[in-house]
């Protein structure tokens, strides 16, 4: 569920790009990974899920964007 290589390269961990990165990554997830997101939501509802990431920045990384997307969809159910 990682961001596309192009998006990762564009972001390049530049803090000022974080809001736009979040928007673009969510857009990618919704467009290309909708079915996988639904499956992951079902998994999250059945058992605890751990998100692993390699970014040095613990407050701005793709795992947090994915987590927030899943939580927002779960809360709407």
PDB file of N, CA and C in Angstrom:
ATOM      1  N   UNK A   1       0.818  -1.198   0.000  1.00  0.00           N
ATOM      2  CA  UNK A   1       0.000   0.000   0.000  1.00  0.00           C
ATOM      3  C   UNK A   1       0.858   1.256   0.000  1.00  0.00           C
ATOM      4  N   UNK A   2       2.076   1.129  -0.408  1.00  0.00           N
ATOM      5  CA  UNK A   2       2.986   2.277  -0.430  1.00  0.00           C
ATOM      6  C   UNK A   2       2.587   3.263  -1.526  1.00  0.00           C
ATOM      7  N   UNK A   3       2.966   4.516  -1.355  1.00  0.00           N
ATOM      8  CA  UNK A   3       2.723   5.501  -2.407  1.00  0.00           C
ATOM      9  C   UNK A   3       3.513   5.129  -3.667  1.00  0.00           C
ATOM     10  N   UNK A   4       3.068   5.626  -4.785  1.00  0.00           N
ATOM     11  CA  UNK A   4       3.767   5.356  -6.038  1.00  0.00           C
ATOM     12  C   UNK A   4       5.186   5.930  -5.976  1.00  0.00           C
ATOM     13  N   UNK A   5       6.110   5.346  -6.722  1.00  0.00           N
ATOM     14  CA  UNK A   5       7.475   5.885  -6.747  1.00  0.00           C
ATOM     15  C   UNK A   5       7.513   7.361  -7.154  1.00  0.00           C
ATOM     16  N   UNK A   6       6.680   7.746  -8.108  1.00  0.00           N
ATOM     17  CA  UNK A   6       6.658   9.153  -8.521  1.00  0.00           C
ATOM     18  C   UNK A   6       6.234  10.067  -7.384  1.00  0.00           C
ATOM     19  N   UNK A   7       5.232   9.657  -6.632  1.00  0.00           N
ATOM     20  CA  UNK A   7       4.767  10.478  -5.513  1.00  0.00           C
ATOM     21  C   UNK A   7       5.829  10.541  -4.421  1.00  0.00           C
ATOM     22  N   UNK A   8       6.453   9.421  -4.120  1.00  0.00           N
ATOM     23  CA  UNK A   8       7.515   9.423  -3.101  1.00  0.00           C
ATOM     24  C   UNK A   8       8.664  10.342  -3.503  1.00  0.00           C
ATOM     25  N   UNK A   9       9.068  10.264  -4.770  1.00  0.00           N
ATOM     26  CA  UNK A   9      10.157  11.125  -5.238  1.00  0.00           C
ATOM     27  C   UNK A   9       9.751  12.600  -5.167  1.00  0.00           C
ATOM     28  N   UNK A  10       8.510  12.904  -5.562  1.00  0.00           N
ATOM     29  CA  UNK A  10       8.050  14.291  -5.512  1.00  0.00           C
ATOM     30  C   UNK A  10       8.074  14.811  -4.072  1.00  0.00           C
ATOM     31  N   UNK A  11       7.560  14.039  -3.139  1.00  0.00           N
ATOM     32  CA  UNK A  11       7.496  14.467  -1.739  1.00  0.00           C
ATOM     33  C   UNK A  11       8.896  14.666  -1.168  1.00  0.00           C
ATOM     34  N   UNK A  12       9.770  13.682  -1.327  1.00  0.00           N
ATOM     35  CA  UNK A  12      11.165  13.752  -0.905  1.00  0.00           C
ATOM     36  C   UNK A  12      11.321  14.198   0.546  1.00  0.00           C
ATOM     37  N   UNK A  13      10.320  13.937   1.362  1.00  0.00           N
ATOM     38  CA  UNK A  13      10.314  14.271   2.797  1.00  0.00           C
ATOM     39  C   UNK A  13      10.539  15.759   3.062  1.00  0.00           C
ATOM     40  N   UNK A  14      10.025  16.577   2.156  1.00  0.00           N
ATOM     41  CA  UNK A  14      10.057  18.032   2.341  1.00  0.00           C
ATOM     42  C   UNK A  14       8.818  18.401   3.156  1.00  0.00           C
ATOM     43  N   UNK A  15       8.996  18.845   4.392  1.00  0.00           N
ATOM     44  CA  UNK A  15       7.846  19.092   5.271  1.00  0.00           C
ATOM     45  C   UNK A  15       6.775  20.006   4.672  1.00  0.00           C
ATOM     46  N   UNK A  16       7.167  20.985   3.888  1.00  0.00           N
ATOM     47  CA  UNK A  16       6.195  21.903   3.300  1.00  0.00           C
ATOM     48  C   UNK A  16       5.278  21.204   2.299  1.00  0.00           C
ATOM     49  N   UNK A  17       5.699  20.067   1.783  1.00  0.00           N
ATOM     50  CA  UNK A  17       4.894  19.322   0.819  1.00  0.00           C
ATOM     51  C   UNK A  17       3.941  18.316   1.484  1.00  0.00           C
ATOM     52  N   UNK A  18       4.024  18.184   2.786  1.00  0.00           N
ATOM     53  CA  UNK A  18       3.244  17.167   3.493  1.00  0.00           C
ATOM     54  C   UNK A  18       1.738  17.253   3.223  1.00  0.00           C
ATOM     55  N   UNK A  19       1.099  18.413   3.342  1.00  0.00           N
ATOM     56  CA  UNK A  19      -0.349  18.449   3.089  1.00  0.00           C
ATOM     57  C   UNK A  19      -0.717  17.986   1.678  1.00  0.00           C
ATOM     58  N   UNK A  20       0.055  18.398   0.701  1.00  0.00           N
ATOM     59  CA  UNK A  20      -0.223  17.985  -0.678  1.00  0.00           C
ATOM     60  C   UNK A  20       0.094  16.501  -0.882  1.00  0.00           C
ATOM     61  N   UNK A  21       1.145  16.014  -0.222  1.00  0.00           N
ATOM     62  CA  UNK A  21       1.456  14.583  -0.295  1.00  0.00           C
ATOM     63  C   UNK A  21       0.294  13.759   0.239  1.00  0.00           C
ATOM     64  N   UNK A  22      -0.221  14.167   1.406  1.00  0.00           N
ATOM     65  CA  UNK A  22      -1.356  13.451   2.001  1.00  0.00           C
ATOM     66  C   UNK A  22      -2.526  13.394   1.013  1.00  0.00           C
ATOM     67  N   UNK A  23      -2.856  14.547   0.434  1.00  0.00           N
ATOM     68  CA  UNK A  23      -3.979  14.613  -0.499  1.00  0.00           C
ATOM     69  C   UNK A  23      -3.749  13.690  -1.694  1.00  0.00           C
ATOM     70  N   UNK A  24      -2.572  13.762  -2.268  1.00  0.00           N
ATOM     71  CA  UNK A  24      -2.273  12.945  -3.451  1.00  0.00           C
ATOM     72  C   UNK A  24      -2.228  11.460  -3.125  1.00  0.00           C
ATOM     73  N   UNK A  25      -1.695  11.111  -1.969  1.00  0.00           N
ATOM     74  CA  UNK A  25      -1.616   9.694  -1.593  1.00  0.00           C
ATOM     75  C   UNK A  25      -3.016   9.128  -1.350  1.00  0.00           C
ATOM     76  N   UNK A  26      -3.867   9.875  -0.676  1.00  0.00           N
ATOM     77  CA  UNK A  26      -5.246   9.427  -0.469  1.00  0.00           C
ATOM     78  C   UNK A  26      -5.942   9.261  -1.814  1.00  0.00           C
ATOM     79  N   UNK A  27      -5.692  10.183  -2.718  1.00  0.00           N
ATOM     80  CA  UNK A  27      -6.261  10.083  -4.055  1.00  0.00           C
ATOM     81  C   UNK A  27      -5.792   8.795  -4.749  1.00  0.00           C
ATOM     82  N   UNK A  28      -4.499   8.499  -4.637  1.00  0.00           N
ATOM     83  CA  UNK A  28      -3.960   7.252  -5.204  1.00  0.00           C
ATOM     84  C   UNK A  28      -4.633   6.034  -4.586  1.00  0.00           C
ATOM     85  N   UNK A  29      -4.750   6.034  -3.282  1.00  0.00           N
ATOM     86  CA  UNK A  29      -5.351   4.886  -2.593  1.00  0.00           C
ATOM     87  C   UNK A  29      -6.797   4.681  -3.029  1.00  0.00           C
ATOM     88  N   UNK A  30      -7.545   5.755  -3.093  1.00  0.00           N
ATOM     89  CA  UNK A  30      -8.949   5.645  -3.483  1.00  0.00           C
ATOM     90  C   UNK A  30      -9.106   5.204  -4.932  1.00  0.00           C
ATOM     91  N   UNK A  31      -8.240   5.677  -5.800  1.00  0.00           N
ATOM     92  CA  UNK A  31      -8.370   5.385  -7.228  1.00  0.00           C
ATOM     93  C   UNK A  31      -7.885   3.991  -7.595  1.00  0.00           C
ATOM     94  N   UNK A  32      -6.756   3.601  -7.060  1.00  0.00           N
ATOM     95  CA  UNK A  32      -6.123   2.367  -7.527  1.00  0.00           C
ATOM     96  C   UNK A  32      -6.224   1.210  -6.555  1.00  0.00           C
ATOM     97  N   UNK A  33      -6.561   1.486  -5.324  1.00  0.00           N
ATOM     98  CA  UNK A  33      -6.523   0.440  -4.299  1.00  0.00           C
ATOM     99  C   UNK A  33      -7.833   0.276  -3.545  1.00  0.00           C
ATOM    100  N   UNK A  34      -8.931   0.711  -4.144  1.00  0.00           N
ATOM    101  CA  UNK A  34     -10.213   0.689  -3.442  1.00  0.00           C
ATOM    102  C   UNK A  34     -10.588  -0.661  -2.875  1.00  0.00           C
ATOM    103  N   UNK A  35     -10.448  -1.706  -3.672  1.00  0.00           N
ATOM    104  CA  UNK A  35     -10.802  -3.047  -3.208  1.00  0.00           C
ATOM    105  C   UNK A  35      -9.868  -3.507  -2.086  1.00  0.00           C
ATOM    106  N   UNK A  36      -8.591  -3.212  -2.209  1.00  0.00           N
ATOM    107  CA  UNK A  36      -7.637  -3.582  -1.159  1.00  0.00           C
ATOM    108  C   UNK A  36      -7.906  -2.819   0.129  1.00  0.00           C
ATOM    109  N   UNK A  37      -8.305  -1.573   0.007  1.00  0.00           N
ATOM    110  CA  UNK A  37      -8.659  -0.779   1.188  1.00  0.00           C
ATOM    111  C   UNK A  37      -9.849  -1.414   1.895  1.00  0.00           C
ATOM    112  N   UNK A  38     -10.853  -1.817   1.145  1.00  0.00           N
ATOM    113  CA  UNK A  38     -12.021  -2.474   1.740  1.00  0.00           C
ATOM    114  C   UNK A  38     -11.615  -3.752   2.475  1.00  0.00           C
ATOM    115  N   UNK A  39     -10.725  -4.530   1.875  1.00  0.00           N
ATOM    116  CA  UNK A  39     -10.252  -5.762   2.523  1.00  0.00           C
ATOM    117  C   UNK A  39      -9.479  -5.446   3.800  1.00  0.00           C
ATOM    118  N   UNK A  40      -8.664  -4.413   3.756  1.00  0.00           N
ATOM    119  CA  UNK A  40      -7.896  -4.027   4.937  1.00  0.00           C
ATOM    120  C   UNK A  40      -8.813  -3.537   6.048  1.00  0.00           C
ATOM    121  N   UNK A  41      -9.862  -2.827   5.697  1.00  0.00           N
ATOM    122  CA  UNK A  41     -10.839  -2.391   6.699  1.00  0.00           C
ATOM    123  C   UNK A  41     -11.467  -3.602   7.376  1.00  0.00           C
ATOM    124  N   UNK A  42     -11.856  -4.590   6.591  1.00  0.00           N
ATOM    125  CA  UNK A  42     -12.439  -5.810   7.167  1.00  0.00           C
ATOM    126  C   UNK A  42     -11.457  -6.482   8.117  1.00  0.00           C
ATOM    127  N   UNK A  43     -10.195  -6.528   7.743  1.00  0.00           N
ATOM    128  CA  UNK A  43      -9.172  -7.114   8.605  1.00  0.00           C
ATOM    129  C   UNK A  43      -9.042  -6.319   9.898  1.00  0.00           C
ATOM    130  N   UNK A  44      -9.022  -4.992   9.787  1.00  0.00           N
ATOM    131  CA  UNK A  44      -8.899  -4.130  10.971  1.00  0.00           C
ATOM    132  C   UNK A  44     -10.072  -4.298  11.929  1.00  0.00           C
ATOM    133  N   UNK A  45     -11.238  -4.595  11.381  1.00  0.00           N
ATOM    134  CA  UNK A  45     -12.412  -4.790  12.225  1.00  0.00           C
ATOM    135  C   UNK A  45     -12.390  -6.125  12.955  1.00  0.00           C
ATOM    136  N   UNK A  46     -11.606  -7.071  12.459  1.00  0.00           N
ATOM    137  CA  UNK A  46     -11.534  -8.405  13.063  1.00  0.00           C
ATOM    138  C   UNK A  46     -10.399  -8.563  14.060  1.00  0.00           C
ATOM    139  N   UNK A  47      -9.299  -7.823  13.856  1.00  0.00           N
ATOM    140  CA  UNK A  47      -8.120  -8.038  14.703  1.00  0.00           C
ATOM    141  C   UNK A  47      -7.238  -6.799  14.682  1.00  0.00           C
ATOM    142  N   UNK A  48      -6.342  -6.689  15.665  1.00  0.00           N
ATOM    143  CA  UNK A  48      -5.404  -5.560  15.651  1.00  0.00           C
ATOM    144  C   UNK A  48      -4.490  -5.636  14.427  1.00  0.00           C
ATOM    145  N   UNK A  49      -4.143  -4.480  13.904  1.00  0.00           N
ATOM    146  CA  UNK A  49      -3.276  -4.394  12.726  1.00  0.00           C
ATOM    147  C   UNK A  49      -2.116  -3.471  13.077  1.00  0.00           C
ATOM    148  N   UNK A  50      -0.913  -3.858  12.680  1.00  0.00           N
ATOM    149  CA  UNK A  50       0.285  -3.054  12.912  1.00  0.00           C
ATOM    150  C   UNK A  50       0.767  -2.472  11.590  1.00  0.00           C
ATOM    151  N   UNK A  51       1.029  -1.182  11.573  1.00  0.00           N
ATOM    152  CA  UNK A  51       1.555  -0.509  10.397  1.00  0.00           C
ATOM    153  C   UNK A  51       3.065  -0.356  10.567  1.00  0.00           C
ATOM    154  N   UNK A  52       3.800  -0.780   9.575  1.00  0.00           N
ATOM    155  CA  UNK A  52       5.256  -0.710   9.603  1.00  0.00           C
ATOM    156  C   UNK A  52       5.704   0.273   8.527  1.00  0.00           C
ATOM    157  N   UNK A  53       6.662   1.103   8.868  1.00  0.00           N
ATOM    158  CA  UNK A  53       7.174   2.061   7.892  1.00  0.00           C
ATOM    159  C   UNK A  53       8.663   2.252   8.111  1.00  0.00           C
ATOM    160  N   UNK A  54       9.345   2.727   7.089  1.00  0.00           N
ATOM    161  CA  UNK A  54      10.790   2.915   7.163  1.00  0.00           C
ATOM    162  C   UNK A  54      11.187   4.389   7.209  1.00  0.00           C
ATOM    163  N   UNK A  55      10.236   5.282   7.158  1.00  0.00           N
ATOM    164  CA  UNK A  55      10.549   6.712   7.168  1.00  0.00           C
ATOM    165  C   UNK A  55      11.129   7.123   8.518  1.00  0.00           C
ATOM    166  N   UNK A  56      12.038   8.039   8.479  1.00  0.00           N
ATOM    167  CA  UNK A  56      12.632   8.543   9.725  1.00  0.00           C
ATOM    168  C   UNK A  56      11.684   9.472  10.473  1.00  0.00           C
ATOM    169  N   UNK A  57      10.815  10.124   9.740  1.00  0.00           N
ATOM    170  CA  UNK A  57       9.876  11.083  10.326  1.00  0.00           C
ATOM    171  C   UNK A  57       8.651  10.325  10.840  1.00  0.00           C
ATOM    172  N   UNK A  58       8.509  10.274  12.144  1.00  0.00           N
ATOM    173  CA  UNK A  58       7.410   9.517  12.746  1.00  0.00           C
ATOM    174  C   UNK A  58       6.077  10.267  12.709  1.00  0.00           C
ATOM    175  N   UNK A  59       6.095  11.536  12.365  1.00  0.00           N
ATOM    176  CA  UNK A  59       4.852  12.312  12.339  1.00  0.00           C
ATOM    177  C   UNK A  59       4.347  12.580  10.926  1.00  0.00           C
ATOM    178  N   UNK A  60       5.184  12.351   9.925  1.00  0.00           N
ATOM    179  CA  UNK A  60       4.795  12.567   8.531  1.00  0.00           C
ATOM    180  C   UNK A  60       5.308  11.401   7.693  1.00  0.00           C
ATOM    181  N   UNK A  61       4.446  10.392   7.530  1.00  0.00           N
ATOM    182  CA  UNK A  61       4.817   9.250   6.700  1.00  0.00           C
ATOM    183  C   UNK A  61       3.563   8.587   6.143  1.00  0.00           C
ATOM    184  N   UNK A  62       3.758   7.772   5.133  1.00  0.00           N
ATOM    185  CA  UNK A  62       2.617   7.179   4.432  1.00  0.00           C
ATOM    186  C   UNK A  62       1.792   6.241   5.308  1.00  0.00           C
ATOM    187  N   UNK A  63       2.409   5.595   6.286  1.00  0.00           N
ATOM    188  CA  UNK A  63       1.652   4.703   7.169  1.00  0.00           C
ATOM    189  C   UNK A  63       0.584   5.479   7.933  1.00  0.00           C
ATOM    190  N   UNK A  64       0.896   6.689   8.334  1.00  0.00           N
ATOM    191  CA  UNK A  64      -0.082   7.514   9.056  1.00  0.00           C
ATOM    192  C   UNK A  64      -1.226   7.940   8.148  1.00  0.00           C
ATOM    193  N   UNK A  65      -0.908   8.230   6.898  1.00  0.00           N
ATOM    194  CA  UNK A  65      -1.962   8.601   5.953  1.00  0.00           C
ATOM    195  C   UNK A  65      -2.908   7.420   5.748  1.00  0.00           C
ATOM    196  N   UNK A  66      -2.341   6.233   5.562  1.00  0.00           N
ATOM    197  CA  UNK A  66      -3.152   5.028   5.383  1.00  0.00           C
ATOM    198  C   UNK A  66      -3.993   4.767   6.629  1.00  0.00           C
ATOM    199  N   UNK A  67      -3.393   4.866   7.803  1.00  0.00           N
ATOM    200  CA  UNK A  67      -4.135   4.667   9.060  1.00  0.00           C
ATOM    201  C   UNK A  67      -5.299   5.639   9.160  1.00  0.00           C
ATOM    202  N   UNK A  68      -5.046   6.916   8.888  1.00  0.00           N
ATOM    203  CA  UNK A  68      -6.100   7.927   8.993  1.00  0.00           C
ATOM    204  C   UNK A  68      -7.229   7.666   8.002  1.00  0.00           C
ATOM    205  N   UNK A  69      -6.876   7.241   6.797  1.00  0.00           N
ATOM    206  CA  UNK A  69      -7.896   6.910   5.798  1.00  0.00           C
ATOM    207  C   UNK A  69      -8.767   5.752   6.285  1.00  0.00           C
ATOM    208  N   UNK A  70      -8.126   4.720   6.790  1.00  0.00           N
ATOM    209  CA  UNK A  70      -8.886   3.561   7.286  1.00  0.00           C
ATOM    210  C   UNK A  70      -9.784   3.949   8.449  1.00  0.00           C
ATOM    211  N   UNK A  71      -9.249   4.699   9.399  1.00  0.00           N
ATOM    212  CA  UNK A  71     -10.055   5.110  10.555  1.00  0.00           C
ATOM    213  C   UNK A  71     -11.245   5.961  10.136  1.00  0.00           C
ATOM    214  N   UNK A  72     -11.045   6.853   9.195  1.00  0.00           N
ATOM    215  CA  UNK A  72     -12.163   7.701   8.776  1.00  0.00           C
ATOM    216  C   UNK A  72     -13.249   6.871   8.102  1.00  0.00           C
ATOM    217  N   UNK A  73     -12.857   5.885   7.314  1.00  0.00           N
ATOM    218  CA  UNK A  73     -13.872   5.030   6.675  1.00  0.00           C
ATOM    219  C   UNK A  73     -14.566   4.129   7.698  1.00  0.00           C
ATOM    220  N   UNK A  74     -13.821   3.620   8.649  1.00  0.00           N
ATOM    221  CA  UNK A  74     -14.427   2.765   9.677  1.00  0.00           C
ATOM    222  C   UNK A  74     -15.438   3.573  10.500  1.00  0.00           C
ATOM    223  N   UNK A  75     -15.107   4.790  10.827  1.00  0.00           N
ATOM    224  CA  UNK A  75     -15.991   5.639  11.637  1.00  0.00           C
ATOM    225  C   UNK A  75     -17.283   5.982  10.884  1.00  0.00           C
ATOM    226  N   UNK A  76     -17.233   6.016   9.565  1.00  0.00           N
ATOM    227  CA  UNK A  76     -18.429   6.323   8.771  1.00  0.00           C
ATOM    228  C   UNK A  76     -19.360   5.130   8.635  1.00  0.00           C
ATOM    229  N   UNK A  77     -18.868   3.948   8.960  1.00  0.00           N
ATOM    230  CA  UNK A  77     -19.713   2.735   8.805  1.00  0.00           C
ATOM    231  C   UNK A  77     -20.747   2.651   9.884  1.00  0.00           C
TER     232      UNK A  77
END
